[in-house]
Protein backbone atom coordinates (compact mmCIF):
# COMPACT_ATOMS: atom_id res chain seq x y z
CA MET A 1 -2.07 -23.11 11.84
CA LEU A 2 -0.57 -20.05 10.12
CA ASN A 3 -1.36 -17.44 12.76
CA LEU A 4 -0.11 -13.84 12.67
CA THR A 5 0.13 -13.27 16.44
CA GLN A 6 2.50 -16.21 16.79
CA PHE A 7 5.36 -14.03 15.49
CA MET A 8 4.83 -11.57 18.35
CA SER A 9 4.41 -14.33 20.94
CA ALA A 10 7.50 -16.17 19.73
CA ALA A 11 9.54 -12.96 20.04
CA ALA A 12 8.11 -12.24 23.51
CA ASP A 13 9.04 -15.76 24.66
CA ALA A 14 12.48 -15.95 23.07
CA ARG A 15 13.61 -12.32 23.53
CA PRO A 16 11.35 -10.82 26.23
CA ASN A 17 13.66 -7.92 27.06
CA ALA A 18 14.62 -7.03 23.48
CA ILE A 19 13.19 -3.73 22.22
CA ALA A 20 10.09 -4.22 20.07
CA THR A 21 8.99 -0.65 19.32
CA ILE A 22 10.40 2.86 19.51
CA MET A 23 8.21 5.91 18.88
CA GLY A 24 9.76 9.20 19.97
CA ASP A 25 10.35 8.89 23.72
CA ARG A 26 8.24 5.72 24.02
CA GLN A 27 9.72 2.27 23.78
CA THR A 28 8.50 -1.21 24.73
CA THR A 29 10.09 -4.63 24.96
CA TRP A 30 8.55 -7.61 23.20
CA SER A 31 7.22 -8.87 26.53
CA GLU A 32 5.62 -5.49 27.28
CA HIS A 33 4.28 -5.27 23.74
CA ARG A 34 2.47 -8.62 24.04
CA HIS A 35 1.06 -7.65 27.44
CA ARG A 36 -0.35 -4.39 26.07
CA VAL A 37 -1.77 -6.20 23.04
CA SER A 38 -3.51 -8.73 25.27
CA ARG A 39 -5.10 -5.95 27.35
CA LEU A 40 -6.15 -3.99 24.26
CA ALA A 41 -7.65 -7.16 22.80
CA SER A 42 -9.61 -7.66 26.02
CA ALA A 43 -10.97 -4.11 25.71
CA LEU A 44 -11.99 -4.75 22.11
CA ARG A 45 -13.79 -7.92 23.16
CA HIS A 46 -15.75 -5.99 25.79
CA LEU A 47 -16.63 -3.42 23.11
CA GLY A 48 -18.20 -6.18 21.06
CA ALA A 49 -15.41 -7.20 18.65
CA LYS A 50 -15.90 -10.85 17.70
CA PRO A 51 -14.06 -13.28 15.42
CA GLY A 52 -14.70 -12.29 11.83
CA ASP A 53 -15.68 -8.68 12.67
CA ARG A 54 -13.87 -5.80 11.00
CA VAL A 55 -12.05 -3.15 13.06
CA ALA A 56 -10.78 -0.05 11.23
CA ILE A 57 -7.96 2.46 11.77
CA LEU A 58 -7.33 5.93 10.34
CA ALA A 59 -4.01 7.19 11.62
CA LEU A 60 -0.41 8.17 10.91
CA ASN A 61 2.43 5.78 11.68
CA SER A 62 3.07 4.89 15.31
CA ASP A 63 3.87 2.04 17.71
CA ARG A 64 0.17 1.94 18.55
CA TYR A 65 -0.60 1.07 14.92
CA THR A 66 1.39 -2.16 15.38
CA GLU A 67 -0.40 -2.81 18.68
CA TYR A 68 -3.73 -2.31 16.89
CA TYR A 69 -2.81 -4.92 14.27
CA ASN A 70 -1.85 -7.54 16.83
CA ALA A 71 -4.78 -6.84 19.16
CA VAL A 72 -7.35 -7.13 16.37
CA TRP A 73 -5.83 -10.45 15.28
CA TRP A 74 -5.67 -11.56 18.95
CA VAL A 75 -9.49 -11.39 19.18
CA GLY A 76 -9.90 -13.04 15.77
CA SER A 77 -11.20 -9.93 14.02
CA ALA A 78 -9.94 -8.42 10.75
CA VAL A 79 -8.06 -5.14 10.33
CA VAL A 80 -9.27 -2.38 7.98
CA PRO A 81 -6.35 0.06 7.48
CA MET A 82 -7.78 3.22 5.95
CA ASN A 83 -5.97 5.40 3.43
CA ILE A 84 -4.76 8.60 5.11
CA ARG A 85 -4.86 10.43 1.77
CA TRP A 86 -8.51 9.70 1.05
CA THR A 87 -11.31 12.16 1.65
CA ALA A 88 -13.90 11.65 4.39
CA VAL A 89 -16.33 10.57 1.65
CA GLU A 90 -13.99 7.82 0.40
CA ASN A 91 -13.17 6.56 3.88
CA ALA A 92 -16.84 6.59 4.89
CA TYR A 93 -17.51 4.38 1.88
CA SER A 94 -14.92 1.81 3.02
CA LEU A 95 -16.28 1.91 6.59
CA ASN A 96 -19.82 1.32 5.38
CA ASP A 97 -18.75 -1.37 2.95
CA SER A 98 -16.72 -3.24 5.60
CA GLU A 99 -19.46 -2.71 8.22
CA ALA A 100 -16.78 -1.86 10.78
CA LYS A 101 -18.27 -1.04 14.18
CA ILE A 102 -15.02 0.14 15.80
CA LEU A 103 -12.61 2.78 14.49
CA PHE A 104 -9.20 3.78 15.87
CA VAL A 105 -8.22 7.36 15.05
CA ASP A 106 -5.36 9.70 16.00
CA LYS A 107 -5.28 13.46 16.49
CA ALA A 108 -4.49 14.06 12.81
CA PHE A 109 -7.86 12.64 11.77
CA ALA A 110 -10.05 13.14 14.86
CA PRO A 111 -11.48 16.41 13.42
CA ILE A 112 -13.13 14.59 10.48
CA VAL A 113 -14.69 11.83 12.60
CA PRO A 114 -18.05 13.66 13.00
CA GLN A 115 -18.27 13.98 9.21
CA ILE A 116 -17.49 10.27 8.81
CA LYS A 117 -19.90 9.16 11.56
CA ASP A 118 -22.76 11.05 9.92
CA GLN A 119 -22.38 8.73 6.93
CA CYS A 120 -21.73 5.44 8.78
CA GLU A 121 -24.65 3.74 10.47
CA HIS A 122 -22.59 0.71 11.55
CA LEU A 123 -19.88 2.70 13.36
CA LYS A 124 -20.54 2.55 17.11
CA THR A 125 -17.21 3.17 18.84
CA VAL A 126 -14.24 5.46 18.14
CA ILE A 127 -10.98 4.98 20.04
CA TYR A 128 -8.56 7.90 20.31
CA LEU A 129 -4.95 6.79 19.85
CA ASP A 130 -3.06 9.81 21.18
CA ASP A 131 -2.17 10.87 24.71
CA GLY A 132 -4.20 13.49 26.53
CA ASP A 133 -7.94 13.78 26.91
CA ALA A 134 -9.96 11.99 24.27
CA PRO A 135 -12.35 14.18 22.26
CA GLU A 136 -16.05 13.98 23.06
CA ASP A 137 -17.68 10.66 22.11
CA MET A 138 -14.30 8.90 21.83
CA LEU A 139 -12.62 6.42 24.18
CA SER A 140 -9.05 6.83 25.41
CA TYR A 141 -6.65 4.19 24.02
CA GLU A 142 -4.38 4.19 27.08
CA GLU A 143 -7.30 4.09 29.51
CA LEU A 144 -8.74 1.07 27.73
CA ILE A 145 -5.43 -0.77 28.14
CA ALA A 146 -4.98 0.32 31.75
CA ASN A 147 -8.52 -0.73 32.74
CA SER A 148 -8.53 -4.13 31.03
CA GLN A 149 -7.20 -7.51 32.12
CA PRO A 150 -5.20 -9.71 29.72
CA CYS A 151 -7.17 -12.26 27.72
CA GLU A 152 -6.36 -15.41 25.79
CA ASP A 153 -5.45 -15.30 22.11
CA VAL A 154 -8.24 -16.96 20.09
CA ARG A 155 -5.56 -18.18 17.65
CA ALA A 156 -7.34 -17.27 14.44
CA GLY A 157 -5.29 -18.31 11.45
CA GLY A 158 -5.13 -20.07 8.14
CA GLU A 159 -8.08 -19.04 5.97
CA ASP A 160 -9.62 -16.84 8.69
CA LEU A 161 -9.95 -13.27 7.42
CA ALA A 162 -7.04 -11.16 8.68
CA GLY A 163 -7.74 -7.91 6.86
CA LEU A 164 -9.76 -5.95 4.35
CA TYR A 165 -7.39 -3.74 2.38
CA TYR A 166 -9.18 -1.21 0.20
CA THR A 167 -7.78 -0.45 -3.21
CA GLY A 168 -8.96 1.88 -5.96
CA GLY A 169 -11.96 0.74 -7.95
CA THR A 170 -12.34 0.14 -11.67
CA THR A 171 -16.00 1.16 -11.29
CA GLY A 172 -15.39 4.35 -9.34
CA PHE A 173 -15.69 2.73 -5.89
CA PRO A 174 -12.92 1.21 -3.73
CA LYS A 175 -12.77 -2.59 -3.52
CA GLY A 176 -12.01 -4.46 -0.30
CA VAL A 177 -9.31 -7.10 -0.85
CA MET A 178 -9.88 -10.06 1.48
CA LEU A 179 -6.56 -11.32 2.83
CA PRO A 180 -6.46 -14.31 5.19
CA HIS A 181 -3.81 -14.99 7.83
CA ARG A 182 -2.21 -17.42 5.40
CA ALA A 183 -1.45 -14.69 2.84
CA LEU A 184 0.09 -12.18 5.25
CA TRP A 185 1.99 -14.90 7.14
CA TYR A 186 3.61 -16.03 3.90
CA ASN A 187 4.53 -12.49 2.88
CA ASN A 188 6.14 -11.79 6.26
CA LEU A 189 8.53 -14.72 5.86
CA VAL A 190 9.29 -14.08 2.18
CA ILE A 191 10.24 -10.44 2.84
CA ALA A 192 12.28 -11.43 5.90
CA LYS A 193 14.23 -13.89 3.77
CA MET A 194 14.69 -11.60 0.78
CA LEU A 195 15.88 -8.68 2.94
CA GLY A 196 18.08 -10.65 5.30
CA VAL A 197 16.11 -9.50 8.36
CA SER A 198 17.58 -10.80 11.63
CA PRO A 199 16.47 -10.34 15.27
CA GLU A 200 19.09 -7.59 15.55
CA ALA A 201 17.62 -5.62 12.62
CA ARG A 202 16.06 -2.19 13.16
CA TYR A 203 13.27 -1.41 10.71
CA LEU A 204 12.05 2.14 10.00
CA HIS A 205 8.36 2.73 9.30
CA ALA A 206 8.59 5.76 6.99
CA ALA A 207 6.15 4.70 4.28
CA PRO A 208 2.48 4.84 5.38
CA MET A 209 1.45 1.90 7.55
CA PHE A 210 -1.98 1.54 5.93
CA HIS A 211 -0.16 0.43 2.79
CA LEU A 212 0.68 -3.26 2.38
CA ALA A 213 4.22 -2.45 1.23
CA ASP A 214 5.05 -1.27 4.74
CA GLY A 215 2.72 -3.90 6.17
CA ALA A 216 4.78 -6.71 4.64
CA ALA A 217 8.15 -5.17 5.56
CA GLY A 218 6.94 -4.45 9.09
CA GLY A 219 5.55 -7.98 9.27
CA ALA A 220 9.00 -9.28 8.32
CA ALA A 221 10.49 -7.35 11.25
CA SER A 222 7.92 -8.88 13.61
CA ALA A 223 8.50 -12.35 12.18
CA MET A 224 12.17 -12.10 13.17
CA GLY A 225 11.57 -10.34 16.50
CA ALA A 226 13.43 -7.27 15.23
CA THR A 227 12.93 -3.67 16.42
CA HIS A 228 10.33 -1.33 14.89
CA ILE A 229 11.09 2.41 14.77
CA TYR A 230 8.42 4.89 13.62
CA ILE A 231 8.11 8.37 12.20
CA PRO A 232 4.56 9.67 11.73
CA MET A 233 4.93 10.17 8.00
CA PHE A 234 7.60 10.61 5.35
CA ASP A 235 9.77 13.69 5.65
CA VAL A 236 13.33 13.83 4.34
CA GLU A 237 14.87 15.21 7.53
CA ALA A 238 12.78 12.91 9.73
CA VAL A 239 13.99 9.87 7.75
CA LEU A 240 17.65 10.93 7.81
CA SER A 241 17.47 11.81 11.50
CA ALA A 242 15.78 8.53 12.45
CA ILE A 243 18.32 6.45 10.52
CA GLU A 244 21.18 8.35 12.12
CA THR A 245 19.77 8.39 15.67
CA HIS A 246 18.43 4.84 15.87
CA GLN A 247 21.02 3.14 13.65
CA ILE A 248 18.35 1.85 11.27
CA THR A 249 19.42 -1.22 9.28
CA HIS A 250 16.33 -1.76 7.08
CA ALA A 251 13.91 0.66 5.43
CA LEU A 252 11.24 0.68 2.75
CA LEU A 253 10.66 3.75 0.59
CA VAL A 254 8.74 4.32 -2.63
CA PRO A 255 10.80 5.69 -5.56
CA THR A 256 9.37 9.22 -5.19
CA MET A 257 10.58 9.33 -1.57
CA ILE A 258 14.05 8.15 -2.59
CA GLY A 259 14.22 10.85 -5.28
CA LEU A 260 13.20 13.56 -2.80
CA MET A 261 15.82 12.35 -0.33
CA LEU A 262 18.63 12.26 -2.90
CA ASN A 263 17.79 15.75 -4.15
CA SER A 264 17.63 17.28 -0.68
CA ASP A 265 20.42 19.51 0.59
CA ALA A 266 20.22 17.52 3.84
CA PHE A 267 21.20 14.26 2.16
CA ASP A 268 24.58 12.95 3.24
CA PRO A 269 25.54 9.27 2.78
CA LYS A 270 27.33 9.40 6.15
CA ARG A 271 23.99 9.91 7.88
CA LEU A 272 22.81 6.60 6.39
CA ALA A 273 25.92 4.64 7.34
CA SER A 274 23.98 2.10 9.43
CA LEU A 275 21.53 1.30 6.62
CA GLU A 276 22.14 -2.17 5.22
CA TYR A 277 19.03 -2.84 3.11
CA LEU A 278 16.75 -0.48 1.22
CA LEU A 279 13.58 -1.98 -0.25
CA TYR A 280 11.63 -0.02 -2.82
CA GLY A 281 8.34 -0.74 -4.52
CA ALA A 282 4.79 0.48 -5.26
CA SER A 283 5.88 2.03 -8.58
CA PRO A 284 8.73 1.66 -11.08
CA MET A 285 12.05 3.26 -10.12
CA PRO A 286 13.28 5.90 -12.59
CA GLU A 287 16.61 4.64 -13.87
CA GLY A 288 18.27 8.01 -13.22
CA VAL A 289 17.31 7.85 -9.54
CA MET A 290 18.50 4.26 -9.31
CA ARG A 291 21.88 5.07 -10.85
CA GLN A 292 22.28 8.02 -8.49
CA ILE A 293 21.69 6.02 -5.30
CA ILE A 294 23.94 3.17 -6.45
CA GLU A 295 26.75 5.64 -7.19
CA ARG A 296 26.32 7.61 -3.95
CA MET A 297 25.84 4.56 -1.68
CA PRO A 298 27.76 1.70 -3.32
CA LYS A 299 27.71 -0.53 -0.22
CA LEU A 300 23.94 -0.30 0.30
CA LYS A 301 22.01 -3.46 -0.57
CA ILE A 302 19.04 -2.40 -2.68
CA ALA A 303 16.07 -4.65 -3.41
CA GLN A 304 12.84 -4.16 -5.33
CA GLY A 305 9.51 -5.69 -4.44
CA TYR A 306 6.88 -5.88 -7.18
CA GLY A 307 3.36 -6.84 -6.23
CA GLN A 308 -0.18 -5.73 -5.57
CA THR A 309 -2.71 -5.77 -2.76
CA GLU A 310 -4.43 -8.83 -4.22
CA LEU A 311 -1.26 -10.87 -3.52
CA ALA A 312 -0.60 -9.46 -0.03
CA PRO A 313 1.45 -7.96 -1.84
CA ILE A 314 4.63 -9.65 -3.11
CA VAL A 315 4.85 -11.21 -6.58
CA SER A 316 8.53 -10.85 -7.45
CA THR A 317 11.75 -9.42 -6.09
CA LEU A 318 14.88 -8.01 -7.67
CA GLN A 319 17.74 -8.79 -5.32
CA PRO A 320 20.76 -6.59 -4.52
CA GLU A 321 23.14 -8.53 -6.76
CA PHE A 322 21.18 -7.32 -9.79
CA HIS A 323 21.24 -3.64 -8.74
CA VAL A 324 24.62 -2.94 -10.30
CA LEU A 325 25.95 -0.67 -13.03
CA GLY A 326 27.90 -1.70 -16.12
CA SER A 327 27.76 -5.43 -15.47
CA SER A 328 26.22 -8.41 -17.24
CA ASN A 329 24.40 -8.98 -13.96
CA SER A 330 22.62 -5.61 -14.19
CA LYS A 331 18.83 -5.92 -14.32
CA LEU A 332 17.86 -2.40 -13.32
CA ARG A 333 14.84 -2.32 -15.63
CA SER A 334 13.45 -5.61 -14.36
CA ALA A 335 10.84 -6.26 -11.65
CA GLY A 336 12.84 -9.33 -10.68
CA ARG A 337 12.02 -13.00 -10.45
CA ALA A 338 9.03 -14.67 -8.83
CA ALA A 339 9.21 -14.69 -5.04
CA PRO A 340 9.87 -18.08 -3.38
CA GLY A 341 6.69 -20.15 -3.42
CA THR A 342 4.92 -17.88 -5.93
CA GLU A 343 4.31 -19.00 -9.50
CA VAL A 344 4.23 -16.36 -12.23
CA LYS A 345 3.26 -16.70 -15.87
CA ILE A 346 2.71 -14.24 -18.71
CA VAL A 347 -0.56 -14.92 -20.51
CA ASP A 348 -2.63 -13.75 -23.46
CA LYS A 349 -6.32 -12.76 -23.31
CA GLN A 350 -7.32 -16.42 -23.36
CA GLY A 351 -5.09 -17.23 -20.38
CA ASN A 352 -2.48 -19.11 -22.43
CA ARG A 353 1.22 -18.61 -21.76
CA VAL A 354 2.91 -16.41 -24.32
CA PRO A 355 6.43 -17.10 -25.66
CA LEU A 356 9.42 -15.67 -23.77
CA GLY A 357 10.03 -12.04 -24.71
CA GLU A 358 6.41 -11.47 -25.76
CA VAL A 359 4.21 -9.03 -23.81
CA GLY A 360 1.14 -10.40 -22.06
CA GLU A 361 -0.54 -10.07 -18.66
CA ILE A 362 1.16 -11.12 -15.43
CA ALA A 363 -0.76 -13.85 -13.59
CA ALA A 364 0.40 -15.24 -10.25
CA ARG A 365 -0.64 -17.87 -7.74
CA GLY A 366 0.67 -18.90 -4.36
CA MET A 367 0.11 -18.58 -0.64
CA GLY A 368 -0.15 -14.79 -0.85
CA ALA A 369 -3.26 -14.79 -3.03
CA MET A 370 -6.38 -13.02 -1.81
CA GLN A 371 -9.63 -14.86 -1.12
CA GLY A 372 -11.42 -12.35 -3.33
CA TYR A 373 -13.04 -8.93 -3.28
CA TRP A 374 -15.38 -8.24 -0.37
CA LYS A 375 -19.02 -8.55 -1.52
CA LEU A 376 -17.95 -8.54 -5.18
CA PRO A 377 -18.15 -12.14 -6.46
CA GLU A 378 -18.28 -11.11 -10.12
CA LYS A 379 -15.14 -8.97 -9.85
CA THR A 380 -13.47 -11.80 -7.97
CA ALA A 381 -14.31 -14.25 -10.76
CA GLU A 382 -12.87 -11.84 -13.33
CA THR A 383 -9.58 -11.56 -11.41
CA ILE A 384 -9.00 -15.07 -10.03
CA ILE A 385 -9.18 -17.60 -12.86
CA ASP A 386 -8.34 -21.25 -12.14
CA GLY A 387 -6.48 -20.14 -9.02
CA TRP A 388 -4.37 -17.54 -10.83
CA VAL A 389 -4.64 -13.87 -9.84
CA HIS A 390 -4.59 -11.74 -12.99
CA THR A 391 -2.75 -8.54 -12.12
CA GLY A 392 -3.69 -6.25 -15.02
CA ASP A 393 0.00 -5.46 -15.58
CA GLY A 394 1.48 -6.10 -19.01
CA ALA A 395 4.99 -7.57 -19.07
CA TYR A 396 7.34 -10.01 -20.70
CA MET A 397 9.66 -12.60 -19.19
CA ASP A 398 13.19 -13.33 -20.39
CA GLU A 399 14.90 -16.71 -20.61
CA GLU A 400 16.29 -16.33 -17.08
CA GLY A 401 12.86 -15.80 -15.53
CA PHE A 402 13.18 -12.03 -15.03
CA ILE A 403 9.97 -10.03 -15.43
CA PHE A 404 9.94 -6.70 -17.28
CA ILE A 405 6.87 -4.47 -16.84
CA ALA A 406 5.85 -3.00 -20.19
CA ASP A 407 2.29 -1.74 -19.93
CA ARG A 408 -0.87 -1.69 -17.85
CA MET A 409 -3.88 -3.65 -18.95
CA LYS A 410 -6.01 -2.24 -16.17
CA ASP A 411 -7.07 1.37 -16.65
CA MET A 412 -4.80 2.45 -13.83
CA ILE A 413 -2.27 5.20 -13.17
CA VAL A 414 0.54 4.88 -10.63
CA THR A 415 1.55 8.28 -9.29
CA GLY A 416 4.02 8.65 -6.43
CA GLY A 417 3.49 5.01 -5.49
CA GLU A 418 -0.32 5.31 -5.24
CA ASN A 419 -2.73 3.53 -7.57
CA VAL A 420 -5.34 5.71 -9.26
CA PHE A 421 -8.09 4.05 -11.27
CA SER A 422 -9.22 6.31 -14.07
CA ALA A 423 -12.88 5.45 -13.48
CA GLU A 424 -12.79 7.04 -10.03
CA VAL A 425 -11.47 10.33 -11.37
CA GLU A 426 -13.77 10.27 -14.41
CA SER A 427 -16.76 9.70 -12.14
CA ALA A 428 -15.90 12.78 -10.09
CA ILE A 429 -15.13 15.03 -13.10
CA SER A 430 -18.27 13.95 -14.96
CA GLN A 431 -20.40 15.55 -12.25
CA HIS A 432 -19.11 19.03 -13.18
CA SER A 433 -21.83 21.04 -14.90
CA ALA A 434 -19.54 22.09 -17.78
CA VAL A 435 -18.37 18.58 -18.72
CA ALA A 436 -19.99 16.60 -21.51
CA GLU A 437 -17.40 13.81 -21.87
CA VAL A 438 -14.22 12.97 -19.99
CA ALA A 439 -11.38 10.46 -20.22
CA VAL A 440 -8.56 10.25 -17.70
CA ILE A 441 -5.13 8.86 -18.56
CA GLY A 442 -1.66 8.70 -17.04
CA ILE A 443 1.08 10.72 -18.69
CA PRO A 444 4.85 10.63 -17.96
CA ASP A 445 6.01 12.79 -15.06
CA GLU A 446 9.62 13.08 -13.94
CA LYS A 447 8.85 13.55 -10.24
CA TRP A 448 5.82 11.30 -9.66
CA GLY A 449 6.40 8.69 -12.38
CA GLU A 450 2.98 9.31 -13.88
CA ALA A 451 0.58 12.23 -13.57
CA VAL A 452 -3.21 12.25 -13.82
CA HIS A 453 -4.35 14.00 -17.02
CA ALA A 454 -7.99 14.66 -17.92
CA ILE A 455 -9.19 15.04 -21.50
CA ILE A 456 -12.53 16.86 -21.48
CA VAL A 457 -15.15 17.52 -24.12
CA PRO A 458 -16.97 20.53 -22.62
CA LYS A 459 -20.63 21.33 -23.01
CA LYS A 460 -21.55 24.01 -25.53
CA ASP A 461 -20.11 27.44 -24.73
CA GLN A 462 -18.27 26.08 -21.69
CA ALA A 463 -14.50 26.03 -21.06
CA PRO A 464 -13.70 24.63 -17.60
CA THR A 465 -10.16 25.30 -16.38
CA LEU A 466 -7.88 22.98 -14.44
CA GLU A 467 -8.64 25.03 -11.32
CA ASP A 468 -12.40 24.62 -11.88
CA ILE A 469 -12.10 20.87 -12.20
CA VAL A 470 -9.75 20.46 -9.23
CA GLU A 471 -11.92 22.50 -6.88
CA HIS A 472 -14.99 20.53 -7.97
CA CYS A 473 -13.25 17.19 -7.36
CA ARG A 474 -11.44 18.07 -4.13
CA PRO A 475 -14.29 17.00 -1.76
CA LEU A 476 -14.92 13.82 -3.75
CA ILE A 477 -11.53 12.18 -4.27
CA ALA A 478 -8.13 12.15 -2.57
CA ASN A 479 -5.57 14.81 -3.44
CA TYR A 480 -3.27 12.38 -5.26
CA LYS A 481 -6.16 11.44 -7.59
CA LEU A 482 -6.83 15.03 -8.66
CA PRO A 483 -5.90 15.84 -12.25
CA ARG A 484 -2.58 17.68 -12.63
CA SER A 485 -3.44 18.84 -16.14
CA VAL A 486 -6.52 19.19 -18.35
CA GLY A 487 -6.92 19.19 -22.11
CA LEU A 488 -10.08 20.45 -23.81
CA GLN A 489 -11.23 19.22 -27.21
CA GLU A 490 -14.32 19.92 -29.30
CA GLU A 491 -14.68 16.54 -30.99
CA SER A 492 -16.10 13.54 -29.12
CA LEU A 493 -13.70 11.07 -27.56
CA PRO A 494 -12.64 8.19 -29.85
CA VAL A 495 -14.54 4.98 -29.11
CA SER A 496 -14.38 1.35 -30.20
CA GLY A 497 -17.16 -0.53 -31.95
CA ALA A 498 -18.39 -1.55 -28.51
CA GLY A 499 -18.56 2.08 -27.44
CA LYS A 500 -15.50 1.98 -25.17
CA VAL A 501 -13.22 5.01 -25.13
CA LEU A 502 -9.94 4.21 -26.88
CA LYS A 503 -7.52 5.26 -24.14
CA ARG A 504 -4.50 3.95 -26.03
CA ASP A 505 -5.21 6.39 -28.87
CA LEU A 506 -5.40 9.25 -26.37
CA ARG A 507 -2.15 8.20 -24.72
CA LEU A 508 -0.07 7.96 -27.90
CA ALA A 509 0.94 11.62 -28.15
CA PHE A 510 2.15 11.70 -24.53
CA TRP A 511 4.10 8.42 -24.58
CA GLU A 512 5.78 8.77 -27.96
CA GLY A 513 9.48 7.99 -27.66
CA HIS A 514 9.10 5.92 -24.47
CA GLU A 515 10.17 2.28 -24.54
CA ARG A 516 7.24 1.22 -22.40
CA GLN A 517 3.81 2.57 -21.54
CA VAL A 518 4.50 2.90 -17.81
CA ASN A 519 6.87 5.28 -16.07
C-alpha cells in the first residue's frame, strides 16, 4: 500500500543516526524523529483523533511541522495545513468546513485563536507548538510527547484521505482539495527523481510549509531520508545564512523570492556555493530574473515545477538542461514536459485535443490527481472529466512535448506565487456601501508577476478611494488578495449576452503588447 509514513520508517531503519531535522539549535536523527512521531500520534489518539478525521495546523515553518504531518498520518487522520496569510475569518471557514476538532498553532498565531474558536463549533483542542508555557486553554506540544507512550502505525494509505488542502474559491469561498496518500506518495518520488535528491541531500524549508510546493519538495527529502533544515519564513538574509551555515544542497523558492534575493545587497554567489539544485514554481518566472540567476550562478542546476493543488501538485517539470542561454536547448519560456507517469493534453471547450501549437486548456491525469473537492460534488464534476483534471490554465504544446502557458481560463490571478480568485475579492469589495458594481482582474506587475486591480462602478455621488476599499476588505480577505490599484468608471461593466462580465475586454488595455495573458 502507498503509505506516507513508510518513507520516515524506512529512513529510521536504514539510517537511524543520520540527521533528519535541524531547526535552530534543535536537531533530531531519523530514529529520534520516528520515536517522537509515534508518541505524538499516541497523544492525538487519546485526544480523539481517529482514522479519517481532520487535524489542522496554523504555524510558521519548523521541525515540528514535519512531525505533525507524520503523526497525523500515523493515526490515519488527514492533515489540514492552513494558510498563514489568511485572515481569521478565512481560516475559521476552512476549520468549519473541514470539521477539524484539533488545531496545532505556534506563538505567531496563538493570539488569534480565541477569535477563531468563537466561530468554530467543532474545534475542541488546541495544541501549542512552541516551547515555554502554553497559553490558557491550550495543550503543550512537548508535554504531550513526553507524557505519551509510542503506539503502532495504523498504516493508512492508498485512497485513504491524507490531507485537505484549501485553495481559493471561484465562488468566493475556499475549496478543500481532497488528496489521498497515493497522490502525495507519487509526488514525493517524482520530485526526488527530478531534483536528484539523495540521502546526503540537505533541503531548506524557506517557502511556507502549508503550501504544496514545499510539501512536495519536503516529501522528496523524506522519501530519500535526506536532512530537513528550516527557517520560520522567507527572509533574504535568513535564506543566505542557512544555505551558508548548513551547506544546503536543495531549495525551493517562488520567483518573487528569487528576485528579492538577487536584488539584495547581501546576495553573494559564494554564500550559495553548496547549493546544487534550485526548484522554482507557483508562478511564472520573469525571464529577466531567470537570465540573471543563470548568469550569476552558472553551475547551479535550476528546475521548474508547474502544477496545482488538485494534482498534489506536479504536472510538468522543466529540467536544468533546458535552463540555458543562447542555445537551441533553451526553453526558458516553457513550463516543461509532463512529469513521469502524468499524462497531459491540451483541449478545447468540448474536451477534444487541439493541434500542436494551438492554445487550449491543460488537462492532466495520473497518480497525483485529487479525489475531488470536499463536500462539493458539482465542482468536482466540473473539474474532473473522464478522469482528467482540467486545470483552467490556457497553453499550447510544441512538437517536442513542451508546454507553454499562454492564458488563464479560470478567473484567477497569481501574485507573488499565491492564487487569488477574483470572485473572493469581488465578494469582499461588493459589501462596501459606495460600490454599485465591481470586477477584479490581474494586471502585469514587475515585482509580483501580477497585481490585483479592481474596476469599480460607484454608487451615485460616491467616489471610494483605494485606501477606502483596502481598509474595508482587510478584515475579510488575506493581505495578498487586497487590491493594489482601483479604477473608477461611470458606465456599467461590459457583460455578455448571458450577463457575465467580460473580463477579457477589461484586461485588454493593461495587457497590450504582452505576448501572453499571464505574467
